[in-house]
Amino acid sequence: RPAVLNISGGTIQNSTAQSYGGLIAVTASTSPVEINISGGTFQGGKAVRGGILWTEDDCDINITGGTFTASEATENGGLFYLDGGANVTLSGGNFIGGTAAGVGDGIYVKNANLTITGEAQFSGEGTNIYVENTTDKAVVVIDNPADSLMTVDAADKSAAFASSETNCAAKLYSADENYITTWADGKFYLVAN
């Protein structure tokens, strides 16, 4: 039976982690973990990775609302650092103003699955979503993209992103700048520039 955390309101703020996950750290090494967030404010988190949220192991995270803001990482993932086979769905919520000394001021995705649907909104000065795919497990699916900047640094750049809309092609970049975005068969593809 999975451990379940449901958050529908309130404020979680101003916490500094010595390592990972400024406000929430998820490890599912002994049993599955499920987190459902439908509301609340998450702000002022500080960590090495994942100013607000850090995942290590296989877990399911569903976010339908809430505000995630003003948090920072000294490495990657100013707001979220997703790793270890995490399955994360964002169908709502506001993701604002994370900062990372490394990459992924908003969300850093490594060996995890991120699906963005519905009304999830991203804003900020830096890269809102950064994908590093060292084991070909990182997948980002964008069904209803916000006006966001997304970067991919994947071992297999051919199909790291998929989308049902073509209008966010101009917001998708390859980290090494040697690839450009094309659109075919309902998916984004990064091809050699």
C-alpha atoms as a PDB file:
ATOM      1  CA  ARG A   1       0.000   0.000   0.000  1.00  0.00           C
ATOM      2  CA  PRO A   2       1.478   3.391  -0.965  1.00  0.00           C
ATOM      3  CA  ALA A   3       2.170   6.221   1.420  1.00  0.00           C
ATOM      4  CA  VAL A   4      -0.154   9.075   0.401  1.00  0.00           C
ATOM      5  CA  LEU A   5       0.180  12.807   1.048  1.00  0.00           C
ATOM      6  CA  ASN A   6      -2.720  15.101   0.105  1.00  0.00           C
ATOM      7  CA  ILE A   7      -2.318  18.888   0.288  1.00  0.00           C
ATOM      8  CA  SER A   8      -5.279  21.124  -0.564  1.00  0.00           C
ATOM      9  CA  GLY A   9      -4.368  24.440   1.059  1.00  0.00           C
ATOM     10  CA  GLY A  10      -2.230  26.302   3.551  1.00  0.00           C
ATOM     11  CA  THR A  11       1.325  27.574   3.281  1.00  0.00           C
ATOM     12  CA  ILE A  12       4.611  25.700   3.454  1.00  0.00           C
ATOM     13  CA  GLN A  13       7.499  28.138   3.450  1.00  0.00           C
ATOM     14  CA  ASN A  14      10.953  29.318   4.471  1.00  0.00           C
ATOM     15  CA  SER A  15      12.842  26.082   4.960  1.00  0.00           C
ATOM     16  CA  THR A  16      16.453  25.303   4.108  1.00  0.00           C
ATOM     17  CA  ALA A  17      17.538  21.709   3.495  1.00  0.00           C
ATOM     18  CA  GLN A  18      21.147  20.681   4.020  1.00  0.00           C
ATOM     19  CA  SER A  19      20.964  18.655   0.828  1.00  0.00           C
ATOM     20  CA  TYR A  20      17.829  18.001  -1.243  1.00  0.00           C
ATOM     21  CA  GLY A  21      14.210  19.170  -1.198  1.00  0.00           C
ATOM     22  CA  GLY A  22      13.866  22.534   0.515  1.00  0.00           C
ATOM     23  CA  LEU A  23      10.209  21.988   1.431  1.00  0.00           C
ATOM     24  CA  ILE A  24       9.401  18.404   0.349  1.00  0.00           C
ATOM     25  CA  ALA A  25      11.785  15.473  -0.186  1.00  0.00           C
ATOM     26  CA  VAL A  26      10.405  12.206  -1.549  1.00  0.00           C
ATOM     27  CA  THR A  27      12.128   8.846  -1.310  1.00  0.00           C
ATOM     28  CA  ALA A  28      10.149   5.707  -2.036  1.00  0.00           C
ATOM     29  CA  SER A  29      12.824   3.073  -1.504  1.00  0.00           C
ATOM     30  CA  THR A  30      10.694   0.883   0.789  1.00  0.00           C
ATOM     31  CA  SER A  31       7.149   1.489  -0.490  1.00  0.00           C
ATOM     32  CA  PRO A  32       5.415   3.494  -3.217  1.00  0.00           C
ATOM     33  CA  VAL A  33       4.669   7.174  -2.561  1.00  0.00           C
ATOM     34  CA  GLU A  34       1.785   9.213  -3.957  1.00  0.00           C
ATOM     35  CA  ILE A  35       1.492  12.978  -3.512  1.00  0.00           C
ATOM     36  CA  ASN A  36      -1.588  14.968  -4.549  1.00  0.00           C
ATOM     37  CA  ILE A  37      -1.485  18.769  -4.380  1.00  0.00           C
ATOM     38  CA  SER A  38      -4.637  20.716  -5.264  1.00  0.00           C
ATOM     39  CA  GLY A  39      -3.894  24.010  -3.530  1.00  0.00           C
ATOM     40  CA  GLY A  40      -1.679  25.908  -1.149  1.00  0.00           C
ATOM     41  CA  THR A  41       1.378  28.131  -1.339  1.00  0.00           C
ATOM     42  CA  PHE A  42       4.915  26.732  -1.419  1.00  0.00           C
ATOM     43  CA  GLN A  43       7.636  29.363  -1.172  1.00  0.00           C
ATOM     44  CA  GLY A  44      11.002  30.284   0.253  1.00  0.00           C
ATOM     45  CA  GLY A  45      12.581  26.847   0.035  1.00  0.00           C
ATOM     46  CA  LYS A  46      16.345  26.475  -0.331  1.00  0.00           C
ATOM     47  CA  ALA A  47      18.325  23.335  -1.126  1.00  0.00           C
ATOM     48  CA  VAL A  48      21.216  21.966  -3.142  1.00  0.00           C
ATOM     49  CA  ARG A  49      18.675  20.350  -5.501  1.00  0.00           C
ATOM     50  CA  GLY A  50      14.975  21.129  -5.637  1.00  0.00           C
ATOM     51  CA  GLY A  51      14.207  24.341  -3.769  1.00  0.00           C
ATOM     52  CA  ILE A  52      10.645  23.144  -3.149  1.00  0.00           C
ATOM     53  CA  LEU A  53      10.463  19.483  -4.207  1.00  0.00           C
ATOM     54  CA  TRP A  54      13.043  16.740  -4.772  1.00  0.00           C
ATOM     55  CA  THR A  55      12.329  13.157  -5.815  1.00  0.00           C
ATOM     56  CA  GLU A  56      14.749  10.258  -5.639  1.00  0.00           C
ATOM     57  CA  ASP A  57      12.745   7.124  -6.296  1.00  0.00           C
ATOM     58  CA  ASP A  58       9.766   5.937  -8.264  1.00  0.00           C
ATOM     59  CA  CYS A  59       6.735   7.929  -7.075  1.00  0.00           C
ATOM     60  CA  ASP A  60       3.544   9.477  -8.418  1.00  0.00           C
ATOM     61  CA  ILE A  61       2.970  13.205  -7.976  1.00  0.00           C
ATOM     62  CA  ASN A  62      -0.194  14.928  -9.206  1.00  0.00           C
ATOM     63  CA  ILE A  63      -0.492  18.708  -9.039  1.00  0.00           C
ATOM     64  CA  THR A  64      -3.808  20.321  -9.976  1.00  0.00           C
ATOM     65  CA  GLY A  65      -3.376  23.654  -8.180  1.00  0.00           C
ATOM     66  CA  GLY A  66      -1.263  25.729  -5.855  1.00  0.00           C
ATOM     67  CA  THR A  67       1.473  28.318  -6.180  1.00  0.00           C
ATOM     68  CA  PHE A  68       5.146  27.334  -6.230  1.00  0.00           C
ATOM     69  CA  THR A  69       7.458  30.327  -6.033  1.00  0.00           C
ATOM     70  CA  ALA A  70      10.509  32.190  -4.757  1.00  0.00           C
ATOM     71  CA  SER A  71      12.699  29.166  -4.077  1.00  0.00           C
ATOM     72  CA  GLU A  72      16.267  28.353  -5.016  1.00  0.00           C
ATOM     73  CA  ALA A  73      18.808  25.593  -5.558  1.00  0.00           C
ATOM     74  CA  THR A  74      22.574  25.869  -5.333  1.00  0.00           C
ATOM     75  CA  GLU A  75      22.787  23.237  -8.086  1.00  0.00           C
ATOM     76  CA  ASN A  76      19.748  22.378 -10.244  1.00  0.00           C
ATOM     77  CA  GLY A  77      15.975  22.715  -9.977  1.00  0.00           C
ATOM     78  CA  GLY A  78      15.042  26.035  -8.390  1.00  0.00           C
ATOM     79  CA  LEU A  79      11.497  24.803  -7.768  1.00  0.00           C
ATOM     80  CA  PHE A  80      11.490  21.046  -8.540  1.00  0.00           C
ATOM     81  CA  TYR A  81      14.208  18.438  -9.097  1.00  0.00           C
ATOM     82  CA  LEU A  82      12.640  15.269 -10.544  1.00  0.00           C
ATOM     83  CA  ASP A  83      14.721  12.091 -10.679  1.00  0.00           C
ATOM     84  CA  GLY A  84      14.619   8.374 -10.011  1.00  0.00           C
ATOM     85  CA  GLY A  85      11.712   7.389 -12.230  1.00  0.00           C
ATOM     86  CA  ALA A  86       9.221   9.854 -10.753  1.00  0.00           C
ATOM     87  CA  ASN A  87       5.929  10.210 -12.623  1.00  0.00           C
ATOM     88  CA  VAL A  88       4.749  13.802 -12.302  1.00  0.00           C
ATOM     89  CA  THR A  89       1.593  15.317 -13.789  1.00  0.00           C
ATOM     90  CA  LEU A  90       0.985  19.065 -13.714  1.00  0.00           C
ATOM     91  CA  SER A  91      -2.592  19.862 -14.706  1.00  0.00           C
ATOM     92  CA  GLY A  92      -2.765  23.119 -12.793  1.00  0.00           C
ATOM     93  CA  GLY A  93      -0.799  25.422 -10.555  1.00  0.00           C
ATOM     94  CA  ASN A  94       1.423  28.450 -10.937  1.00  0.00           C
ATOM     95  CA  PHE A  95       5.197  27.957 -11.118  1.00  0.00           C
ATOM     96  CA  ILE A  96       6.878  31.312 -10.639  1.00  0.00           C
ATOM     97  CA  GLY A  97      10.348  32.657 -10.120  1.00  0.00           C
ATOM     98  CA  GLY A  98      12.574  29.780  -9.112  1.00  0.00           C
ATOM     99  CA  THR A  99      16.336  30.226  -9.393  1.00  0.00           C
ATOM    100  CA  ALA A 100      19.120  27.683  -9.779  1.00  0.00           C
ATOM    101  CA  ALA A 101      22.861  28.234  -9.809  1.00  0.00           C
ATOM    102  CA  GLY A 102      23.075  25.360 -12.301  1.00  0.00           C
ATOM    103  CA  VAL A 103      20.175  24.678 -14.680  1.00  0.00           C
ATOM    104  CA  GLY A 104      16.401  24.462 -14.466  1.00  0.00           C
ATOM    105  CA  ASP A 105      15.306  27.577 -12.620  1.00  0.00           C
ATOM    106  CA  GLY A 106      11.803  26.130 -12.558  1.00  0.00           C
ATOM    107  CA  ILE A 107      11.801  22.363 -13.043  1.00  0.00           C
ATOM    108  CA  TYR A 108      14.804  20.114 -13.634  1.00  0.00           C
ATOM    109  CA  VAL A 109      13.880  16.699 -15.067  1.00  0.00           C
ATOM    110  CA  LYS A 110      16.373  13.826 -14.976  1.00  0.00           C
ATOM    111  CA  ASN A 111      15.323  10.210 -15.501  1.00  0.00           C
ATOM    112  CA  ALA A 112      11.698  11.058 -14.724  1.00  0.00           C
ATOM    113  CA  ASN A 113       8.419  11.505 -16.573  1.00  0.00           C
ATOM    114  CA  LEU A 114       6.719  14.911 -16.580  1.00  0.00           C
ATOM    115  CA  THR A 115       3.317  15.512 -18.153  1.00  0.00           C
ATOM    116  CA  ILE A 116       2.006  19.062 -18.412  1.00  0.00           C
ATOM    117  CA  THR A 117      -1.705  19.441 -19.170  1.00  0.00           C
ATOM    118  CA  GLY A 118      -4.580  21.775 -18.495  1.00  0.00           C
ATOM    119  CA  GLU A 119      -3.852  25.077 -16.869  1.00  0.00           C
ATOM    120  CA  ALA A 120      -0.324  24.770 -15.448  1.00  0.00           C
ATOM    121  CA  GLN A 121       1.367  28.157 -15.852  1.00  0.00           C
ATOM    122  CA  PHE A 122       5.086  28.954 -15.837  1.00  0.00           C
ATOM    123  CA  SER A 123       6.830  32.296 -15.544  1.00  0.00           C
ATOM    124  CA  GLY A 124      10.261  33.490 -14.574  1.00  0.00           C
ATOM    125  CA  GLU A 125      13.479  34.928 -15.920  1.00  0.00           C
ATOM    126  CA  GLY A 126      15.407  31.693 -16.486  1.00  0.00           C
ATOM    127  CA  THR A 127      14.709  28.295 -18.001  1.00  0.00           C
ATOM    128  CA  ASN A 128      11.354  27.065 -16.740  1.00  0.00           C
ATOM    129  CA  ILE A 129      11.860  23.417 -17.673  1.00  0.00           C
ATOM    130  CA  TYR A 130      15.224  21.747 -18.231  1.00  0.00           C
ATOM    131  CA  VAL A 131      15.516  18.097 -19.230  1.00  0.00           C
ATOM    132  CA  GLU A 132      18.700  16.081 -18.816  1.00  0.00           C
ATOM    133  CA  ASN A 133      18.241  12.529 -19.980  1.00  0.00           C
ATOM    134  CA  THR A 134      21.278  10.425 -19.152  1.00  0.00           C
ATOM    135  CA  THR A 135      19.520   7.062 -19.315  1.00  0.00           C
ATOM    136  CA  ASP A 136      16.822   7.739 -21.938  1.00  0.00           C
ATOM    137  CA  LYS A 137      14.125   7.749 -19.258  1.00  0.00           C
ATOM    138  CA  ALA A 138      13.217  11.433 -19.155  1.00  0.00           C
ATOM    139  CA  VAL A 139      10.059  12.237 -21.073  1.00  0.00           C
ATOM    140  CA  VAL A 140       8.118  15.485 -21.087  1.00  0.00           C
ATOM    141  CA  VAL A 141       4.658  15.545 -22.640  1.00  0.00           C
ATOM    142  CA  ILE A 142       3.050  18.938 -23.163  1.00  0.00           C
ATOM    143  CA  ASP A 143      -0.668  18.793 -23.925  1.00  0.00           C
ATOM    144  CA  ASN A 144      -1.431  22.451 -23.275  1.00  0.00           C
ATOM    145  CA  PRO A 145       1.807  24.422 -23.111  1.00  0.00           C
ATOM    146  CA  ALA A 146       2.054  27.682 -21.252  1.00  0.00           C
ATOM    147  CA  ASP A 147       4.297  30.422 -22.608  1.00  0.00           C
ATOM    148  CA  SER A 148       7.438  28.765 -21.268  1.00  0.00           C
ATOM    149  CA  LEU A 149      11.077  28.355 -22.075  1.00  0.00           C
ATOM    150  CA  MET A 150      12.104  24.705 -22.159  1.00  0.00           C
ATOM    151  CA  THR A 151      15.553  23.237 -22.669  1.00  0.00           C
ATOM    152  CA  VAL A 152      16.505  19.639 -23.356  1.00  0.00           C
ATOM    153  CA  ASP A 153      19.877  17.982 -22.858  1.00  0.00           C
ATOM    154  CA  ALA A 154      19.035  14.395 -23.658  1.00  0.00           C
ATOM    155  CA  ALA A 155      21.208  11.483 -24.685  1.00  0.00           C
ATOM    156  CA  ASP A 156      18.595  10.755 -27.372  1.00  0.00           C
ATOM    157  CA  LYS A 157      17.502  14.180 -28.575  1.00  0.00           C
ATOM    158  CA  SER A 158      15.255  12.722 -31.267  1.00  0.00           C
ATOM    159  CA  ALA A 159      12.036  12.629 -29.226  1.00  0.00           C
ATOM    160  CA  ALA A 160      12.521  13.933 -25.698  1.00  0.00           C
ATOM    161  CA  PHE A 161       9.424  16.105 -25.951  1.00  0.00           C
ATOM    162  CA  ALA A 162       5.961  15.407 -27.273  1.00  0.00           C
ATOM    163  CA  SER A 163       3.105  17.849 -27.636  1.00  0.00           C
ATOM    164  CA  SER A 164      -0.360  18.149 -29.041  1.00  0.00           C
ATOM    165  CA  GLU A 165       0.307  21.739 -30.067  1.00  0.00           C
ATOM    166  CA  THR A 166       2.857  23.269 -32.400  1.00  0.00           C
ATOM    167  CA  ASN A 167       2.854  26.746 -30.887  1.00  0.00           C
ATOM    168  CA  CYS A 168       5.524  26.068 -28.277  1.00  0.00           C
ATOM    169  CA  ALA A 169       8.161  24.996 -30.804  1.00  0.00           C
ATOM    170  CA  ALA A 170       9.851  28.372 -30.530  1.00  0.00           C
ATOM    171  CA  LYS A 171      10.229  27.844 -26.772  1.00  0.00           C
ATOM    172  CA  LEU A 172      12.043  24.497 -26.995  1.00  0.00           C
ATOM    173  CA  TYR A 173      15.823  24.485 -27.182  1.00  0.00           C
ATOM    174  CA  SER A 174      18.711  22.060 -27.138  1.00  0.00           C
ATOM    175  CA  ALA A 175      21.160  22.818 -24.326  1.00  0.00           C
ATOM    176  CA  ASP A 176      24.182  22.505 -26.623  1.00  0.00           C
ATOM    177  CA  GLU A 177      22.478  24.680 -29.288  1.00  0.00           C
ATOM    178  CA  ASN A 178      23.414  22.174 -31.993  1.00  0.00           C
ATOM    179  CA  TYR A 179      19.837  20.983 -32.458  1.00  0.00           C
ATOM    180  CA  ILE A 180      16.702  22.714 -33.684  1.00  0.00           C
ATOM    181  CA  THR A 181      13.054  21.895 -33.122  1.00  0.00           C
ATOM    182  CA  THR A 182      10.918  20.311 -35.798  1.00  0.00           C
ATOM    183  CA  TRP A 183       7.315  19.126 -35.631  1.00  0.00           C
ATOM    184  CA  ALA A 184       6.036  15.885 -37.138  1.00  0.00           C
ATOM    185  CA  ASP A 185       3.397  13.289 -36.312  1.00  0.00           C
ATOM    186  CA  GLY A 186       2.200  15.183 -33.248  1.00  0.00           C
ATOM    187  CA  LYS A 187       5.628  15.309 -31.610  1.00  0.00           C
ATOM    188  CA  PHE A 188       8.576  17.604 -31.256  1.00  0.00           C
ATOM    189  CA  TYR A 189      11.897  16.355 -32.555  1.00  0.00           C
ATOM    190  CA  LEU A 190      15.301  17.888 -32.043  1.00  0.00           C
ATOM    191  CA  VAL A 191      17.429  17.465 -35.137  1.00  0.00           C
ATOM    192  CA  ALA A 192      21.022  18.433 -35.848  1.00  0.00           C
ATOM    193  CA  ASN A 193      21.295  22.093 -36.789  1.00  0.00           C
END
